Structures are given as structure tokens and as C-alpha cells.
C-alpha atoms as a PDB file:
ATOM      1  CA  MET A   1     210.179 159.261  17.292  1.00  0.00           C
ATOM      2  CA  THR A   2     208.502 159.990  20.734  1.00  0.00           C
ATOM      3  CA  ASP A   3     207.520 157.313  22.736  1.00  0.00           C
ATOM      4  CA  LEU A   4     204.080 158.422  23.136  1.00  0.00           C
ATOM      5  CA  ASN A   5     203.564 155.962  25.971  1.00  0.00           C
ATOM      6  CA  ALA A   6     206.101 157.502  28.220  1.00  0.00           C
ATOM      7  CA  MET A   7     204.130 161.069  28.560  1.00  0.00           C
ATOM      8  CA  SER A   8     201.970 162.446  31.119  1.00  0.00           C
ATOM      9  CA  LEU A   9     198.578 162.824  30.368  1.00  0.00           C
ATOM     10  CA  ALA A  10     199.513 166.670  30.433  1.00  0.00           C
ATOM     11  CA  ASP A  11     202.424 166.185  27.800  1.00  0.00           C
ATOM     12  CA  LEU A  12     199.361 164.355  25.519  1.00  0.00           C
ATOM     13  CA  LYS A  13     197.449 167.121  25.804  1.00  0.00           C
ATOM     14  CA  ALA A  14     199.965 170.077  25.096  1.00  0.00           C
ATOM     15  CA  LEU A  15     200.828 167.846  21.994  1.00  0.00           C
ATOM     16  CA  GLN A  16     197.541 167.745  20.777  1.00  0.00           C
ATOM     17  CA  LYS A  17     197.335 171.233  21.502  1.00  0.00           C
ATOM     18  CA  ASP A  18     200.064 172.011  19.475  1.00  0.00           C
ATOM     19  CA  ILE A  19     199.307 169.590  16.531  1.00  0.00           C
ATOM     20  CA  THR A  20     196.062 170.968  16.284  1.00  0.00           C
ATOM     21  CA  ARG A  21     197.364 174.364  15.689  1.00  0.00           C
ATOM     22  CA  ALA A  22     199.731 173.318  13.669  1.00  0.00           C
ATOM     23  CA  ILE A  23     197.056 171.558  11.273  1.00  0.00           C
ATOM     24  CA  ASP A  24     194.807 174.553  11.344  1.00  0.00           C
ATOM     25  CA  SER A  25     197.397 176.826  10.262  1.00  0.00           C
ATOM     26  CA  PHE A  26     198.843 174.974   7.534  1.00  0.00           C
ATOM     27  CA  GLU A  27     195.008 174.389   6.118  1.00  0.00           C
ATOM     28  CA  LYS A  28     194.751 178.369   6.326  1.00  0.00           C
ATOM     29  CA  ARG A  29     198.586 178.649   4.340  1.00  0.00           C
ATOM     30  CA  ARG A  30     196.877 176.066   1.490  1.00  0.00           C
ATOM     31  CA  LYS A  31     194.278 178.105   1.231  1.00  0.00           C
ATOM     32  CA  ALA A  32     195.089 181.429   1.735  1.00  0.00           C
ATOM     33  CA  GLU A  33     197.982 179.900  -1.350  1.00  0.00           C
ATOM     34  CA  ALA A  34     194.799 178.834  -3.479  1.00  0.00           C
ATOM     35  CA  VAL A  35     192.691 181.935  -3.125  1.00  0.00           C
ATOM     36  CA  SER A  36     196.202 183.988  -4.114  1.00  0.00           C
ATOM     37  CA  ALA A  37     196.460 181.187  -7.603  1.00  0.00           C
ATOM     38  CA  LEU A  38     193.364 181.992  -8.764  1.00  0.00           C
ATOM     39  CA  GLU A  39     193.259 185.633  -8.394  1.00  0.00           C
ATOM     40  CA  THR A  40     196.436 185.295 -10.622  1.00  0.00           C
ATOM     41  CA  ALA A  41     194.859 183.099 -12.917  1.00  0.00           C
ATOM     42  CA  ALA A  42     191.473 185.394 -13.322  1.00  0.00           C
ATOM     43  CA  LYS A  43     193.316 188.782 -13.695  1.00  0.00           C
ATOM     44  CA  GLU A  44     195.383 187.024 -16.349  1.00  0.00           C
ATOM     45  CA  MET A  45     191.850 186.744 -17.957  1.00  0.00           C
ATOM     46  CA  GLY A  46     190.633 190.135 -17.293  1.00  0.00           C
ATOM     47  CA  PHE A  47     188.212 189.493 -14.170  1.00  0.00           C
ATOM     48  CA  SER A  48     188.310 189.661 -11.236  1.00  0.00           C
ATOM     49  CA  LEU A  49     188.186 186.465  -8.883  1.00  0.00           C
ATOM     50  CA  ALA A  50     184.420 188.133  -6.932  1.00  0.00           C
ATOM     51  CA  GLU A  51     183.316 188.327 -10.388  1.00  0.00           C
ATOM     52  CA  LEU A  52     183.937 184.729 -11.578  1.00  0.00           C
ATOM     53  CA  MET A  53     181.738 183.954  -8.156  1.00  0.00           C
ATOM     54  CA  GLY A  54     179.198 186.115  -8.559  1.00  0.00           C
ATOM     55  CA  GLN A  55     179.656 188.719  -5.706  1.00  0.00           C
ATOM     56  CA  GLN A  56     179.242 191.588  -5.836  1.00  0.00           C
ATOM     57  CA  PRO A  57     181.181 194.146  -3.961  1.00  0.00           C
ATOM     58  CA  GLY A  58     179.480 195.797  -1.174  1.00  0.00           C
ATOM     59  CA  ARG A  59     177.757 198.923  -1.010  1.00  0.00           C
ATOM     60  CA  GLN A  60     180.230 201.806   0.521  1.00  0.00           C
ATOM     61  CA  ARG A  61     178.532 204.591   2.167  1.00  0.00           C
ATOM     62  CA  SER A  62     180.025 207.540   1.884  1.00  0.00           C
ATOM     63  CA  ALA A  63     180.726 209.492   5.030  1.00  0.00           C
ATOM     64  CA  ALA A  64     178.229 211.140   6.447  1.00  0.00           C
ATOM     65  CA  MET A  65     178.646 214.957   7.372  1.00  0.00           C
ATOM     66  CA  PRO A  66     177.713 216.144  10.864  1.00  0.00           C
ATOM     67  CA  LYS A  67     174.665 217.754  10.724  1.00  0.00           C
ATOM     68  CA  TYR A  68     173.801 218.520  14.861  1.00  0.00           C
ATOM     69  CA  ALA A  69     176.120 220.170  17.578  1.00  0.00           C
ATOM     70  CA  ASN A  70     175.812 219.596  20.582  1.00  0.00           C
ATOM     71  CA  PRO A  71     175.322 222.908  22.338  1.00  0.00           C
ATOM     72  CA  ALA A  72     177.318 222.591  25.106  1.00  0.00           C
ATOM     73  CA  ASP A  73     180.882 221.473  22.954  1.00  0.00           C
ATOM     74  CA  PRO A  74     180.002 222.206  19.432  1.00  0.00           C
ATOM     75  CA  SER A  75     183.000 219.569  18.644  1.00  0.00           C
ATOM     76  CA  ASP A  76     180.342 216.676  19.477  1.00  0.00           C
ATOM     77  CA  THR A  77     178.513 216.933  16.782  1.00  0.00           C
ATOM     78  CA  TRP A  78     176.194 214.115  15.187  1.00  0.00           C
ATOM     79  CA  SER A  79     175.333 213.496  11.637  1.00  0.00           C
ATOM     80  CA  GLY A  80     171.502 212.357  12.237  1.00  0.00           C
ATOM     81  CA  ARG A  81     172.129 208.518  10.941  1.00  0.00           C
ATOM     82  CA  GLY A  82     172.657 205.858  13.701  1.00  0.00           C
ATOM     83  CA  ARG A  83     170.937 206.323  17.379  1.00  0.00           C
ATOM     84  CA  GLN A  84     170.394 209.549  18.858  1.00  0.00           C
ATOM     85  CA  PRO A  85     173.202 210.386  21.094  1.00  0.00           C
ATOM     86  CA  HIS A  86     172.718 211.696  25.046  1.00  0.00           C
ATOM     87  CA  TRP A  87     173.004 214.786  24.341  1.00  0.00           C
ATOM     88  CA  PHE A  88     170.899 215.021  21.453  1.00  0.00           C
ATOM     89  CA  LYS A  89     168.048 213.215  23.619  1.00  0.00           C
ATOM     90  CA  ASP A  90     168.837 215.632  26.901  1.00  0.00           C
ATOM     91  CA  ALA A  91     168.597 218.626  24.430  1.00  0.00           C
ATOM     92  CA  LEU A  92     165.002 217.678  23.425  1.00  0.00           C
ATOM     93  CA  THR A  93     164.204 216.930  26.726  1.00  0.00           C
ATOM     94  CA  ALA A  94     164.813 220.265  27.738  1.00  0.00           C
ATOM     95  CA  GLY A  95     162.652 222.069  25.640  1.00  0.00           C
ATOM     96  CA  ARG A  96     164.756 222.425  21.921  1.00  0.00           C
ATOM     97  CA  SER A  97     163.842 221.413  19.005  1.00  0.00           C
ATOM     98  CA  GLU A  98     165.829 219.815  16.136  1.00  0.00           C
ATOM     99  CA  ALA A  99     166.197 223.064  15.109  1.00  0.00           C
ATOM    100  CA  ASP A 100     167.924 224.465  17.313  1.00  0.00           C
ATOM    101  CA  LEU A 101     170.403 221.900  17.064  1.00  0.00           C
ATOM    102  CA  LEU A 102     171.340 221.916  13.306  1.00  0.00           C
ATOM    103  CA  ILE A 103     175.085 223.074  12.517  1.00  0.00           C
ATOM    104  CA  ASN A 104     174.723 226.717  10.791  1.00  0.00           C
ATOM    105  CA  THR A 105     176.588 226.546   7.735  1.00  0.00           C
END
């Protein structure tokens, strides 16, 4: 056993950090073991843990195919989803239409 009264403040704070990290690690391991045991038990009964907990699987979006191509660099494409890339905005400002930027398939 270590004599805490003989330790400096810096040593005590370092020890405190180490103890906090060890406790957090221990709790994470115990949670992971519990989840694993619950998943195994649910699987044995023909369910997934998510089903039993009433969780819906997240909606998976398919990867969007490129719809527009940068006229200066045809390998630079945009699917039409999300924010417009700078090259797309610049082309529209320069007088091009969205139809001009469409990828010809």
C-alpha cells in the first residue's frame, strides 16, 4: 500500500487521473460484456437485441449516382444531393443552365 500522505500534489493528481481512467475502462468493459451476453441470449431466442429493445434499424440511403459534371474537369461530379459545389454555382452564374451540366448517359 502506498502512503498517500508522503506523496506530492502532482503525484496525487496523476494517481487520481490514473484511477479515473481505470474506473472508466472497467465500466466500459463491463457494459460491453453485458451487451454481448444480452445479444447472445436474444439470438438464442431468435431475436436481435435491437428488436427486443424496440429500436428500428436506421434508414440506409443508396449511394447517389453522379448527375452533373464539372465542365472544366469531367471527373469532378455532383449527384444533385446536398450543397451545390462551387464549380456548379460558378457555372450557373456564368450563364450555363443545369441541363448544360448534366452527364450524358
